[in-house]
PDB file of N, CA and C in Angstrom:
ATOM      1  N   MET A   1     -44.226  28.858 -70.184  1.00  0.00           N
ATOM      2  CA  MET A   1     -45.715  29.185 -70.148  1.00  0.00           C
ATOM      3  C   MET A   1     -46.178  30.385 -71.040  1.00  0.00           C
ATOM      4  N   THR A   2     -46.947  30.244 -71.881  1.00  0.00           N
ATOM      5  CA  THR A   2     -46.735  31.616 -72.951  1.00  0.00           C
ATOM      6  C   THR A   2     -47.626  32.924 -72.177  1.00  0.00           C
ATOM      7  N   ASP A   3     -48.333  33.551 -72.918  1.00  0.00           N
ATOM      8  CA  ASP A   3     -49.236  34.599 -72.334  1.00  0.00           C
ATOM      9  C   ASP A   3     -50.762  34.112 -72.829  1.00  0.00           C
ATOM     10  N   GLN A   4     -50.567  32.698 -73.701  1.00  0.00           N
ATOM     11  CA  GLN A   4     -51.932  32.468 -74.189  1.00  0.00           C
ATOM     12  C   GLN A   4     -52.235  30.924 -73.171  1.00  0.00           C
ATOM     13  N   GLN A   5     -51.583  30.795 -72.194  1.00  0.00           N
ATOM     14  CA  GLN A   5     -51.824  29.649 -71.376  1.00  0.00           C
ATOM     15  C   GLN A   5     -51.767  30.205 -70.352  1.00  0.00           C
ATOM     16  N   ILE A   6     -52.618  29.241 -69.390  1.00  0.00           N
ATOM     17  CA  ILE A   6     -52.876  29.415 -68.343  1.00  0.00           C
ATOM     18  C   ILE A   6     -52.613  28.161 -66.898  1.00  0.00           C
ATOM     19  N   SER A   7     -52.475  28.393 -66.035  1.00  0.00           N
ATOM     20  CA  SER A   7     -52.038  27.521 -64.793  1.00  0.00           C
ATOM     21  C   SER A   7     -53.244  27.202 -64.212  1.00  0.00           C
ATOM     22  N   LEU A   8     -53.559  25.792 -63.593  1.00  0.00           N
ATOM     23  CA  LEU A   8     -54.747  25.559 -63.157  1.00  0.00           C
ATOM     24  C   LEU A   8     -54.393  24.235 -62.598  1.00  0.00           C
ATOM     25  N   GLU A   9     -55.209  24.066 -61.349  1.00  0.00           N
ATOM     26  CA  GLU A   9     -55.152  23.106 -60.494  1.00  0.00           C
ATOM     27  C   GLU A   9     -56.490  22.070 -60.742  1.00  0.00           C
ATOM     28  N   VAL A  10     -56.309  20.782 -61.317  1.00  0.00           N
ATOM     29  CA  VAL A  10     -57.175  19.301 -60.414  1.00  0.00           C
ATOM     30  C   VAL A  10     -57.355  18.865 -59.476  1.00  0.00           C
ATOM     31  N   VAL A  11     -58.349  18.472 -58.702  1.00  0.00           N
ATOM     32  CA  VAL A  11     -58.350  17.627 -57.617  1.00  0.00           C
ATOM     33  C   VAL A  11     -59.643  16.760 -57.576  1.00  0.00           C
ATOM     34  N   TYR A  12     -59.265  16.097 -56.940  1.00  0.00           N
ATOM     35  CA  TYR A  12     -60.095  14.687 -56.695  1.00  0.00           C
ATOM     36  C   TYR A  12     -59.639  13.651 -55.769  1.00  0.00           C
ATOM     37  N   GLY A  13     -60.776  13.335 -54.615  1.00  0.00           N
ATOM     38  CA  GLY A  13     -60.187  12.406 -53.568  1.00  0.00           C
ATOM     39  C   GLY A  13     -61.347  11.327 -53.478  1.00  0.00           C
ATOM     40  N   THR A  14     -60.418  10.157 -52.792  1.00  0.00           N
ATOM     41  CA  THR A  14     -61.328   9.048 -52.448  1.00  0.00           C
ATOM     42  C   THR A  14     -60.888   9.367 -50.740  1.00  0.00           C
ATOM     43  N   PRO A  15     -61.656   8.156 -50.168  1.00  0.00           N
ATOM     44  CA  PRO A  15     -61.152   8.061 -48.309  1.00  0.00           C
ATOM     45  C   PRO A  15     -59.829   7.646 -48.682  1.00  0.00           C
ATOM     46  N   GLU A  16     -59.484   7.185 -49.369  1.00  0.00           N
ATOM     47  CA  GLU A  16     -58.145   6.000 -49.611  1.00  0.00           C
ATOM     48  C   GLU A  16     -56.798   6.946 -50.400  1.00  0.00           C
ATOM     49  N   LYS A  17     -57.191   7.715 -51.115  1.00  0.00           N
ATOM     50  CA  LYS A  17     -56.107   8.356 -52.183  1.00  0.00           C
ATOM     51  C   LYS A  17     -56.550  10.205 -52.698  1.00  0.00           C
ATOM     52  N   GLN A  18     -56.069  10.975 -52.876  1.00  0.00           N
ATOM     53  CA  GLN A  18     -56.046  12.305 -53.152  1.00  0.00           C
ATOM     54  C   GLN A  18     -54.724  12.654 -54.026  1.00  0.00           C
ATOM     55  N   ALA A  19     -55.697  13.599 -54.913  1.00  0.00           N
ATOM     56  CA  ALA A  19     -54.585  13.857 -56.249  1.00  0.00           C
ATOM     57  C   ALA A  19     -54.677  15.736 -56.492  1.00  0.00           C
ATOM     58  N   LEU A  20     -53.736  16.111 -56.318  1.00  0.00           N
ATOM     59  CA  LEU A  20     -53.841  17.418 -57.061  1.00  0.00           C
ATOM     60  C   LEU A  20     -52.362  17.819 -57.751  1.00  0.00           C
ATOM     61  N   LEU A  21     -53.394  17.973 -59.147  1.00  0.00           N
ATOM     62  CA  LEU A  21     -52.907  18.245 -60.317  1.00  0.00           C
ATOM     63  C   LEU A  21     -52.664  19.388 -60.189  1.00  0.00           C
ATOM     64  N   GLU A  22     -51.470  20.233 -61.084  1.00  0.00           N
ATOM     65  CA  GLU A  22     -51.139  21.301 -61.620  1.00  0.00           C
ATOM     66  C   GLU A  22     -51.451  20.957 -63.179  1.00  0.00           C
ATOM     67  N   VAL A  23     -52.097  21.814 -63.937  1.00  0.00           N
ATOM     68  CA  VAL A  23     -51.740  21.291 -65.066  1.00  0.00           C
ATOM     69  C   VAL A  23     -51.673  22.740 -66.266  1.00  0.00           C
ATOM     70  N   VAL A  24     -51.217  23.100 -66.918  1.00  0.00           N
ATOM     71  CA  VAL A  24     -51.094  24.266 -68.330  1.00  0.00           C
ATOM     72  C   VAL A  24     -51.683  24.188 -69.163  1.00  0.00           C
ATOM     73  N   VAL A  25     -52.791  24.865 -69.646  1.00  0.00           N
ATOM     74  CA  VAL A  25     -53.630  24.392 -70.610  1.00  0.00           C
ATOM     75  C   VAL A  25     -53.904  26.174 -71.226  1.00  0.00           C
ATOM     76  N   GLU A  26     -53.875  26.034 -72.798  1.00  0.00           N
ATOM     77  CA  GLU A  26     -54.736  27.253 -73.761  1.00  0.00           C
ATOM     78  C   GLU A  26     -55.822  27.983 -72.746  1.00  0.00           C
ATOM     79  N   GLN A  27     -55.772  29.165 -72.312  1.00  0.00           N
ATOM     80  CA  GLN A  27     -56.554  30.305 -72.141  1.00  0.00           C
ATOM     81  C   GLN A  27     -57.481  29.778 -73.351  1.00  0.00           C
ATOM     82  N   GLY A  28     -58.721  29.519 -72.616  1.00  0.00           N
ATOM     83  CA  GLY A  28     -59.822  29.231 -73.585  1.00  0.00           C
ATOM     84  C   GLY A  28     -60.687  27.748 -73.374  1.00  0.00           C
ATOM     85  N   THR A  29     -59.617  27.137 -72.785  1.00  0.00           N
ATOM     86  CA  THR A  29     -59.884  25.580 -72.239  1.00  0.00           C
ATOM     87  C   THR A  29     -61.022  25.566 -71.767  1.00  0.00           C
ATOM     88  N   THR A  30     -62.104  24.471 -71.655  1.00  0.00           N
ATOM     89  CA  THR A  30     -63.054  24.419 -70.825  1.00  0.00           C
ATOM     90  C   THR A  30     -62.477  23.270 -69.415  1.00  0.00           C
ATOM     91  N   VAL A  31     -63.831  23.650 -68.796  1.00  0.00           N
ATOM     92  CA  VAL A  31     -63.193  22.840 -67.211  1.00  0.00           C
ATOM     93  C   VAL A  31     -62.775  21.063 -67.830  1.00  0.00           C
ATOM     94  N   GLU A  32     -64.022  20.723 -68.600  1.00  0.00           N
ATOM     95  CA  GLU A  32     -64.070  19.109 -68.773  1.00  0.00           C
ATOM     96  C   GLU A  32     -62.476  18.482 -69.642  1.00  0.00           C
ATOM     97  N   GLN A  33     -61.738  20.074 -70.611  1.00  0.00           N
ATOM     98  CA  GLN A  33     -60.688  19.555 -71.484  1.00  0.00           C
ATOM     99  C   GLN A  33     -59.488  19.446 -70.438  1.00  0.00           C
ATOM    100  N   ALA A  34     -59.731  20.460 -69.255  1.00  0.00           N
ATOM    101  CA  ALA A  34     -58.667  20.751 -68.529  1.00  0.00           C
ATOM    102  C   ALA A  34     -58.217  19.604 -67.622  1.00  0.00           C
ATOM    103  N   ILE A  35     -59.850  19.005 -67.371  1.00  0.00           N
ATOM    104  CA  ILE A  35     -59.938  17.966 -66.470  1.00  0.00           C
ATOM    105  C   ILE A  35     -58.840  16.166 -67.255  1.00  0.00           C
ATOM    106  N   LEU A  36     -59.400  16.332 -68.501  1.00  0.00           N
ATOM    107  CA  LEU A  36     -58.959  15.422 -69.426  1.00  0.00           C
ATOM    108  C   LEU A  36     -57.083  15.739 -69.511  1.00  0.00           C
ATOM    109  N   ALA A  37     -56.997  16.826 -70.112  1.00  0.00           N
ATOM    110  CA  ALA A  37     -55.418  17.237 -69.631  1.00  0.00           C
ATOM    111  C   ALA A  37     -54.633  17.221 -68.775  1.00  0.00           C
ATOM    112  N   SER A  38     -55.249  16.789 -67.044  1.00  0.00           N
ATOM    113  CA  SER A  38     -54.572  16.582 -66.257  1.00  0.00           C
ATOM    114  C   SER A  38     -54.112  15.272 -65.865  1.00  0.00           C
ATOM    115  N   GLY A  39     -54.838  14.375 -66.323  1.00  0.00           N
ATOM    116  CA  GLY A  39     -54.392  12.800 -66.211  1.00  0.00           C
ATOM    117  C   GLY A  39     -55.143  12.232 -65.537  1.00  0.00           C
ATOM    118  N   ILE A  40     -56.011  12.939 -64.801  1.00  0.00           N
ATOM    119  CA  ILE A  40     -56.251  12.401 -62.907  1.00  0.00           C
ATOM    120  C   ILE A  40     -57.851  11.555 -63.229  1.00  0.00           C
ATOM    121  N   VAL A  41     -57.997  11.561 -64.577  1.00  0.00           N
ATOM    122  CA  VAL A  41     -58.808  10.110 -65.235  1.00  0.00           C
ATOM    123  C   VAL A  41     -57.793   9.071 -65.180  1.00  0.00           C
ATOM    124  N   LYS A  42     -56.767   8.970 -65.351  1.00  0.00           N
ATOM    125  CA  LYS A  42     -56.135   7.686 -65.838  1.00  0.00           C
ATOM    126  C   LYS A  42     -55.600   7.350 -64.220  1.00  0.00           C
ATOM    127  N   ARG A  43     -55.747   8.380 -63.395  1.00  0.00           N
ATOM    128  CA  ARG A  43     -54.933   7.929 -62.197  1.00  0.00           C
ATOM    129  C   ARG A  43     -56.229   7.137 -61.019  1.00  0.00           C
ATOM    130  N   PHE A  44     -57.373   7.914 -61.458  1.00  0.00           N
ATOM    131  CA  PHE A  44     -58.811   7.441 -60.797  1.00  0.00           C
ATOM    132  C   PHE A  44     -59.845   7.346 -61.926  1.00  0.00           C
ATOM    133  N   PRO A  45     -59.656   5.935 -62.467  1.00  0.00           N
ATOM    134  CA  PRO A  45     -60.533   5.327 -63.302  1.00  0.00           C
ATOM    135  C   PRO A  45     -62.143   5.575 -62.837  1.00  0.00           C
ATOM    136  N   ASP A  46     -62.680   5.380 -61.634  1.00  0.00           N
ATOM    137  CA  ASP A  46     -63.837   5.534 -61.186  1.00  0.00           C
ATOM    138  C   ASP A  46     -64.333   7.214 -62.018  1.00  0.00           C
ATOM    139  N   ILE A  47     -63.815   8.050 -62.204  1.00  0.00           N
ATOM    140  CA  ILE A  47     -64.277   9.213 -62.501  1.00  0.00           C
ATOM    141  C   ILE A  47     -65.229   9.175 -63.611  1.00  0.00           C
ATOM    142  N   ASN A  48     -66.199   9.580 -63.843  1.00  0.00           N
ATOM    143  CA  ASN A  48     -67.132   9.592 -64.990  1.00  0.00           C
ATOM    144  C   ASN A  48     -67.522  11.099 -64.915  1.00  0.00           C
ATOM    145  N   LEU A  49     -67.186  11.430 -65.902  1.00  0.00           N
ATOM    146  CA  LEU A  49     -67.904  13.099 -65.878  1.00  0.00           C
ATOM    147  C   LEU A  49     -68.941  13.441 -66.439  1.00  0.00           C
ATOM    148  N   GLU A  50     -69.724  12.336 -66.482  1.00  0.00           N
ATOM    149  CA  GLU A  50     -71.208  12.479 -67.460  1.00  0.00           C
ATOM    150  C   GLU A  50     -72.122  12.489 -66.195  1.00  0.00           C
ATOM    151  N   ILE A  51     -71.540  11.695 -64.760  1.00  0.00           N
ATOM    152  CA  ILE A  51     -72.430  11.598 -63.739  1.00  0.00           C
ATOM    153  C   ILE A  51     -72.050  12.379 -62.907  1.00  0.00           C
ATOM    154  N   LEU A  52     -70.673  12.516 -62.114  1.00  0.00           N
ATOM    155  CA  LEU A  52     -69.988  13.635 -61.433  1.00  0.00           C
ATOM    156  C   LEU A  52     -70.177  14.871 -61.331  1.00  0.00           C
ATOM    157  N   LYS A  53     -70.230  15.729 -60.726  1.00  0.00           N
ATOM    158  CA  LYS A  53     -70.628  17.081 -60.611  1.00  0.00           C
ATOM    159  C   LYS A  53     -69.100  17.712 -60.469  1.00  0.00           C
ATOM    160  N   VAL A  54     -68.926  18.755 -60.909  1.00  0.00           N
ATOM    161  CA  VAL A  54     -67.279  19.745 -61.114  1.00  0.00           C
ATOM    162  C   VAL A  54     -68.066  20.557 -60.615  1.00  0.00           C
ATOM    163  N   GLY A  55     -66.786  21.797 -59.768  1.00  0.00           N
ATOM    164  CA  GLY A  55     -66.721  23.044 -59.064  1.00  0.00           C
ATOM    165  C   GLY A  55     -65.361  23.486 -59.727  1.00  0.00           C
ATOM    166  N   ILE A  56     -65.418  25.115 -59.562  1.00  0.00           N
ATOM    167  CA  ILE A  56     -64.293  25.928 -59.189  1.00  0.00           C
ATOM    168  C   ILE A  56     -64.362  26.322 -57.822  1.00  0.00           C
ATOM    169  N   TRP A  57     -63.252  26.601 -56.895  1.00  0.00           N
ATOM    170  CA  TRP A  57     -63.383  27.205 -55.837  1.00  0.00           C
ATOM    171  C   TRP A  57     -64.600  26.509 -54.972  1.00  0.00           C
ATOM    172  N   ASN A  58     -64.628  25.515 -55.255  1.00  0.00           N
ATOM    173  CA  ASN A  58     -65.876  25.057 -54.264  1.00  0.00           C
ATOM    174  C   ASN A  58     -67.360  25.663 -54.772  1.00  0.00           C
ATOM    175  N   ARG A  59     -67.379  25.645 -55.919  1.00  0.00           N
ATOM    176  CA  ARG A  59     -69.227  26.387 -56.504  1.00  0.00           C
ATOM    177  C   ARG A  59     -69.069  25.390 -57.715  1.00  0.00           C
ATOM    178  N   THR A  60     -70.262  24.560 -57.744  1.00  0.00           N
ATOM    179  CA  THR A  60     -70.323  23.964 -59.225  1.00  0.00           C
ATOM    180  C   THR A  60     -70.413  25.049 -59.870  1.00  0.00           C
ATOM    181  N   CYS A  61     -69.833  24.097 -61.149  1.00  0.00           N
ATOM    182  CA  CYS A  61     -69.958  24.392 -62.949  1.00  0.00           C
ATOM    183  C   CYS A  61     -70.006  23.703 -63.705  1.00  0.00           C
ATOM    184  N   LYS A  62     -70.384  23.903 -65.057  1.00  0.00           N
ATOM    185  CA  LYS A  62     -70.046  23.023 -65.754  1.00  0.00           C
ATOM    186  C   LYS A  62     -69.566  22.696 -66.550  1.00  0.00           C
ATOM    187  N   LEU A  63     -69.482  21.283 -67.538  1.00  0.00           N
ATOM    188  CA  LEU A  63     -67.980  20.863 -68.152  1.00  0.00           C
ATOM    189  C   LEU A  63     -67.583  21.868 -68.968  1.00  0.00           C
ATOM    190  N   THR A  64     -68.643  22.653 -69.647  1.00  0.00           N
ATOM    191  CA  THR A  64     -68.100  23.889 -70.346  1.00  0.00           C
ATOM    192  C   THR A  64     -68.156  25.521 -70.428  1.00  0.00           C
ATOM    193  N   ASP A  65     -67.725  25.386 -68.523  1.00  0.00           N
ATOM    194  CA  ASP A  65     -67.426  26.758 -68.458  1.00  0.00           C
ATOM    195  C   ASP A  65     -66.070  26.890 -68.788  1.00  0.00           C
ATOM    196  N   LEU A  66     -65.502  27.939 -68.741  1.00  0.00           N
ATOM    197  CA  LEU A  66     -64.380  28.272 -68.825  1.00  0.00           C
ATOM    198  C   LEU A  66     -63.294  28.499 -67.428  1.00  0.00           C
ATOM    199  N   PRO A  67     -61.981  27.879 -66.834  1.00  0.00           N
ATOM    200  CA  PRO A  67     -61.296  28.368 -65.994  1.00  0.00           C
ATOM    201  C   PRO A  67     -60.979  29.417 -66.378  1.00  0.00           C
ATOM    202  N   LYS A  68     -59.777  30.545 -65.481  1.00  0.00           N
ATOM    203  CA  LYS A  68     -59.263  31.471 -65.416  1.00  0.00           C
ATOM    204  C   LYS A  68     -58.040  31.135 -64.142  1.00  0.00           C
ATOM    205  N   LYS A  69     -57.150  31.649 -64.843  1.00  0.00           N
ATOM    206  CA  LYS A  69     -55.481  31.693 -64.422  1.00  0.00           C
ATOM    207  C   LYS A  69     -55.766  31.111 -62.682  1.00  0.00           C
ATOM    208  N   GLY A  70     -54.965  30.095 -62.258  1.00  0.00           N
ATOM    209  CA  GLY A  70     -55.108  30.327 -60.969  1.00  0.00           C
ATOM    210  C   GLY A  70     -56.504  29.111 -60.692  1.00  0.00           C
ATOM    211  N   ASP A  71     -57.220  29.328 -61.405  1.00  0.00           N
ATOM    212  CA  ASP A  71     -58.281  28.270 -60.703  1.00  0.00           C
ATOM    213  C   ASP A  71     -58.203  26.834 -60.193  1.00  0.00           C
ATOM    214  N   ARG A  72     -58.496  26.520 -59.102  1.00  0.00           N
ATOM    215  CA  ARG A  72     -59.228  24.980 -58.681  1.00  0.00           C
ATOM    216  C   ARG A  72     -60.158  24.434 -59.424  1.00  0.00           C
ATOM    217  N   ILE A  73     -60.434  23.267 -59.895  1.00  0.00           N
ATOM    218  CA  ILE A  73     -61.190  22.611 -60.239  1.00  0.00           C
ATOM    219  C   ILE A  73     -61.110  21.384 -59.654  1.00  0.00           C
ATOM    220  N   GLU A  74     -62.618  21.185 -58.938  1.00  0.00           N
ATOM    221  CA  GLU A  74     -62.749  19.978 -58.286  1.00  0.00           C
ATOM    222  C   GLU A  74     -63.719  19.221 -58.485  1.00  0.00           C
ATOM    223  N   ILE A  75     -63.397  17.801 -58.383  1.00  0.00           N
ATOM    224  CA  ILE A  75     -64.325  16.560 -58.921  1.00  0.00           C
ATOM    225  C   ILE A  75     -65.437  15.943 -57.719  1.00  0.00           C
ATOM    226  N   TYR A  76     -66.375  15.991 -57.447  1.00  0.00           N
ATOM    227  CA  TYR A  76     -67.185  15.662 -56.309  1.00  0.00           C
ATOM    228  C   TYR A  76     -67.467  14.653 -56.567  1.00  0.00           C
ATOM    229  N   ARG A  77     -67.249  13.889 -55.642  1.00  0.00           N
ATOM    230  CA  ARG A  77     -67.978  12.455 -55.673  1.00  0.00           C
ATOM    231  C   ARG A  77     -69.152  12.292 -55.009  1.00  0.00           C
ATOM    232  N   PRO A  78     -70.037  11.411 -55.470  1.00  0.00           N
ATOM    233  CA  PRO A  78     -72.043  11.471 -54.710  1.00  0.00           C
ATOM    234  C   PRO A  78     -71.578  11.591 -53.006  1.00  0.00           C
ATOM    235  N   LEU A  79     -72.748  12.251 -52.774  1.00  0.00           N
ATOM    236  CA  LEU A  79     -72.751  11.608 -51.420  1.00  0.00           C
ATOM    237  C   LEU A  79     -73.276  10.371 -50.752  1.00  0.00           C
ATOM    238  N   ILE A  80     -72.280  10.134 -49.598  1.00  0.00           N
ATOM    239  CA  ILE A  80     -72.713   8.542 -49.499  1.00  0.00           C
ATOM    240  C   ILE A  80     -74.158   8.802 -48.083  1.00  0.00           C
ATOM    241  N   ALA A  81     -74.237   9.928 -47.996  1.00  0.00           N
ATOM    242  CA  ALA A  81     -76.116  10.093 -46.876  1.00  0.00           C
ATOM    243  C   ALA A  81     -76.025  11.448 -47.132  1.00  0.00           C
ATOM    244  N   ASP A  82     -77.864  11.258 -47.069  1.00  0.00           N
ATOM    245  CA  ASP A  82     -78.323  12.716 -47.475  1.00  0.00           C
ATOM    246  C   ASP A  82     -78.383  13.509 -46.192  1.00  0.00           C
ATOM    247  N   PRO A  83     -77.698  14.811 -45.972  1.00  0.00           N
ATOM    248  CA  PRO A  83     -77.368  15.818 -45.228  1.00  0.00           C
ATOM    249  C   PRO A  83     -78.391  15.778 -44.374  1.00  0.00           C
ATOM    250  N   LYS A  84     -79.492  16.229 -44.950  1.00  0.00           N
ATOM    251  CA  LYS A  84     -80.821  16.347 -44.085  1.00  0.00           C
ATOM    252  C   LYS A  84     -80.893  14.692 -43.176  1.00  0.00           C
ATOM    253  N   GLU A  85     -81.213  13.738 -43.793  1.00  0.00           N
ATOM    254  CA  GLU A  85     -81.441  12.691 -42.948  1.00  0.00           C
ATOM    255  C   GLU A  85     -80.274  12.357 -41.922  1.00  0.00           C
ATOM    256  N   ALA A  86     -79.319  12.423 -42.244  1.00  0.00           N
ATOM    257  CA  ALA A  86     -78.415  12.076 -41.325  1.00  0.00           C
ATOM    258  C   ALA A  86     -78.373  13.376 -40.046  1.00  0.00           C
ATOM    259  N   ARG A  87     -78.973  14.513 -40.079  1.00  0.00           N
ATOM    260  CA  ARG A  87     -79.451  15.329 -38.999  1.00  0.00           C
ATOM    261  C   ARG A  87     -79.991  15.381 -38.518  1.00  0.00           C
ATOM    262  N   ARG A  88     -81.328  14.614 -38.779  1.00  0.00           N
ATOM    263  CA  ARG A  88     -82.643  14.221 -38.419  1.00  0.00           C
ATOM    264  C   ARG A  88     -82.511  13.272 -37.437  1.00  0.00           C
ATOM    265  N   ARG A  89     -81.513  11.837 -37.801  1.00  0.00           N
ATOM    266  CA  ARG A  89     -80.902  10.578 -37.370  1.00  0.00           C
ATOM    267  C   ARG A  89     -80.450  11.512 -35.905  1.00  0.00           C
ATOM    268  N   ARG A  90     -79.378  12.244 -35.989  1.00  0.00           N
ATOM    269  CA  ARG A  90     -78.351  12.667 -34.910  1.00  0.00           C
ATOM    270  C   ARG A  90     -79.249  13.278 -33.819  1.00  0.00           C
ATOM    271  N   ALA A  91     -80.952  14.199 -34.599  1.00  0.00           N
ATOM    272  CA  ALA A  91     -81.834  14.829 -33.531  1.00  0.00           C
ATOM    273  C   ALA A  91     -82.255  14.090 -32.587  1.00  0.00           C
ATOM    274  N   GLU A  92     -82.926  12.772 -32.838  1.00  0.00           N
ATOM    275  CA  GLU A  92     -83.782  11.824 -32.561  1.00  0.00           C
ATOM    276  C   GLU A  92     -82.729  10.721 -31.613  1.00  0.00           C
ATOM    277  N   LYS A  93     -81.134  11.130 -31.529  1.00  0.00           N
ATOM    278  CA  LYS A  93     -80.620   9.992 -30.970  1.00  0.00           C
ATOM    279  C   LYS A  93     -80.151  10.975 -30.005  1.00  0.00           C
ATOM    280  N   ALA A  94     -80.195  12.349 -29.943  1.00  0.00           N
ATOM    281  CA  ALA A  94     -80.521  13.398 -29.225  1.00  0.00           C
ATOM    282  C   ALA A  94     -81.367  13.137 -27.597  1.00  0.00           C
ATOM    283  N   ILE A  95     -82.548  13.373 -28.617  1.00  0.00           N
ATOM    284  CA  ILE A  95     -83.854  12.816 -28.096  1.00  0.00           C
ATOM    285  C   ILE A  95     -84.016  11.847 -26.602  1.00  0.00           C
ATOM    286  N   ASP A  96     -83.260  10.573 -27.756  1.00  0.00           N
ATOM    287  CA  ASP A  96     -83.193   9.463 -26.803  1.00  0.00           C
ATOM    288  C   ASP A  96     -81.862   9.357 -25.701  1.00  0.00           C
ATOM    289  N   GLU A  97     -81.579   9.866 -26.140  1.00  0.00           N
ATOM    290  CA  GLU A  97     -80.235   9.863 -24.935  1.00  0.00           C
ATOM    291  C   GLU A  97     -80.476  11.349 -23.835  1.00  0.00           C
ATOM    292  N   GLY A  98     -81.384  12.151 -24.242  1.00  0.00           N
ATOM    293  CA  GLY A  98     -81.913  13.114 -23.268  1.00  0.00           C
ATOM    294  C   GLY A  98     -81.164  14.122 -23.124  1.00  0.00           C
ATOM    295  N   ARG A  99     -80.137  14.341 -24.194  1.00  0.00           N
ATOM    296  CA  ARG A  99     -79.488  15.371 -24.707  1.00  0.00           C
ATOM    297  C   ARG A  99     -79.741  16.775 -24.951  1.00  0.00           C
ATOM    298  N   ALA A 100     -80.926  16.282 -25.791  1.00  0.00           N
ATOM    299  CA  ALA A 100     -81.891  17.519 -26.534  1.00  0.00           C
ATOM    300  C   ALA A 100     -82.990  18.290 -25.687  1.00  0.00           C
ATOM    301  N   ASN A 101     -83.310  19.510 -25.624  1.00  0.00           N
ATOM    302  CA  ASN A 101     -84.283  20.217 -25.287  1.00  0.00           C
ATOM    303  C   ASN A 101     -84.842  21.120 -25.711  1.00  0.00           C
ATOM    304  N   LYS A 102     -86.327  20.701 -25.600  1.00  0.00           N
ATOM    305  CA  LYS A 102     -87.421  21.465 -27.123  1.00  0.00           C
ATOM    306  C   LYS A 102     -86.999  23.269 -26.415  1.00  0.00           C
ATOM    307  N   THR A 103     -87.125  23.457 -25.885  1.00  0.00           N
ATOM    308  CA  THR A 103     -87.198  24.831 -24.931  1.00  0.00           C
ATOM    309  C   THR A 103     -85.875  25.864 -25.280  1.00  0.00           C
ATOM    310  N   THR A 104     -84.899  24.742 -25.428  1.00  0.00           N
ATOM    311  CA  THR A 104     -83.442  25.774 -25.615  1.00  0.00           C
ATOM    312  C   THR A 104     -82.761  25.322 -27.137  1.00  0.00           C
ATOM    313  N   GLY A 105     -83.942  24.770 -27.729  1.00  0.00           N
ATOM    314  CA  GLY A 105     -83.111  24.631 -29.194  1.00  0.00           C
ATOM    315  C   GLY A 105     -82.265  23.453 -29.005  1.00  0.00           C
ATOM    316  N   GLY A 106     -82.075  22.638 -27.725  1.00  0.00           N
ATOM    317  CA  GLY A 106     -81.241  21.596 -27.880  1.00  0.00           C
ATOM    318  C   GLY A 106     -80.219  21.847 -26.970  1.00  0.00           C
ATOM    319  N   ARG A 107     -79.867  23.310 -26.909  1.00  0.00           N
ATOM    320  CA  ARG A 107     -78.608  23.672 -25.668  1.00  0.00           C
ATOM    321  C   ARG A 107     -78.912  23.478 -24.625  1.00  0.00           C
ATOM    322  N   ALA A 108     -78.081  23.002 -23.653  1.00  0.00           N
ATOM    323  CA  ALA A 108     -78.093  23.206 -22.222  1.00  0.00           C
ATOM    324  C   ALA A 108     -78.449  24.643 -21.940  1.00  0.00           C
ATOM    325  N   LYS A 109     -79.574  25.083 -20.754  1.00  0.00           N
ATOM    326  CA  LYS A 109     -79.352  26.155 -19.821  1.00  0.00           C
ATOM    327  C   LYS A 109     -78.146  26.486 -19.375  1.00  0.00           C
ATOM    328  N   ALA A 110     -77.776  27.867 -19.364  1.00  0.00           N
ATOM    329  CA  ALA A 110     -76.816  28.025 -18.325  1.00  0.00           C
ATOM    330  C   ALA A 110     -77.352  27.876 -16.942  1.00  0.00           C
ATOM    331  N   LYS A 111     -76.626  27.695 -16.020  1.00  0.00           N
ATOM    332  CA  LYS A 111     -76.787  27.457 -14.681  1.00  0.00           C
ATOM    333  C   LYS A 111     -76.152  28.391 -13.735  1.00  0.00           C
ATOM    334  N   ILE A 112     -76.325  29.333 -12.741  1.00  0.00           N
ATOM    335  CA  ILE A 112     -76.253  30.433 -12.219  1.00  0.00           C
ATOM    336  C   ILE A 112     -76.051  29.464 -10.530  1.00  0.00           C
ATOM    337  N   PRO A 113     -74.613  29.652 -10.012  1.00  0.00           N
ATOM    338  CA  PRO A 113     -74.531  29.316  -8.904  1.00  0.00           C
ATOM    339  C   PRO A 113     -75.617  30.261  -8.273  1.00  0.00           C
ATOM    340  N   THR A 114     -76.321  29.225  -6.908  1.00  0.00           N
ATOM    341  CA  THR A 114     -76.924  30.289  -6.001  1.00  0.00           C
ATOM    342  C   THR A 114     -76.367  30.984  -5.344  1.00  0.00           C
ATOM    343  N   ASN A 115     -74.974  30.701  -4.926  1.00  0.00           N
ATOM    344  CA  ASN A 115     -74.448  31.561  -3.687  1.00  0.00           C
ATOM    345  C   ASN A 115     -73.723  32.782  -4.187  1.00  0.00           C
ATOM    346  N   THR A 116     -74.119  33.022  -5.548  1.00  0.00           N
ATOM    347  CA  THR A 116     -73.692  34.443  -6.173  1.00  0.00           C
ATOM    348  C   THR A 116     -74.937  35.085  -6.232  1.00  0.00           C
ATOM    349  N   LEU A 117     -75.841  34.886  -5.993  1.00  0.00           N
ATOM    350  CA  LEU A 117     -77.444  35.758  -6.174  1.00  0.00           C
ATOM    351  C   LEU A 117     -77.142  36.612  -5.205  1.00  0.00           C
ATOM    352  N   GLU A 118     -77.757  37.619  -5.534  1.00  0.00           N
ATOM    353  CA  GLU A 118     -78.150  38.739  -4.264  1.00  0.00           C
ATOM    354  C   GLU A 118     -79.511  38.888  -3.746  1.00  0.00           C
ATOM    355  N   SER A 119     -79.355  38.627  -2.137  1.00  0.00           N
ATOM    356  CA  SER A 119     -80.748  38.784  -1.779  1.00  0.00           C
ATOM    357  C   SER A 119     -81.318  40.004  -1.919  1.00  0.00           C
ATOM    358  N   LYS A 120     -82.737  40.009  -1.977  1.00  0.00           N
ATOM    359  CA  LYS A 120     -83.100  41.105  -2.347  1.00  0.00           C
ATOM    360  C   LYS A 120     -84.048  41.739  -0.867  1.00  0.00           C
ATOM    361  N   PRO A 121     -83.674  42.860  -0.420  1.00  0.00           N
ATOM    362  CA  PRO A 121     -84.252  42.981   0.999  1.00  0.00           C
ATOM    363  C   PRO A 121     -85.892  43.301   1.340  1.00  0.00           C
TER     364      PRO A 121
END
């Protein structure tokens, strides 16, 4: 590795298979070029960089961004469910099951044993 080269990681995963590949590229290489140089697209033919979002260290970025030495480039799959919708369904289920209490924000109130209370004169 020369002074003009940087080492990066490119990651992608499906529920069945995950890959973390190390790639050495020239400094000034874009995120897209680093992904292609890693060969990860050959391992996962379903990767479509025109559709999928990418990021560096858990922060979304553009394909034209320039990664730094040691960065981890991540390719994100689309979400299966909308997080807000999933939370709403969980809350409705908790209400139906009687686990939700509107006055405590869904948390159960702490019960104080009656035998530990001091009687007042």
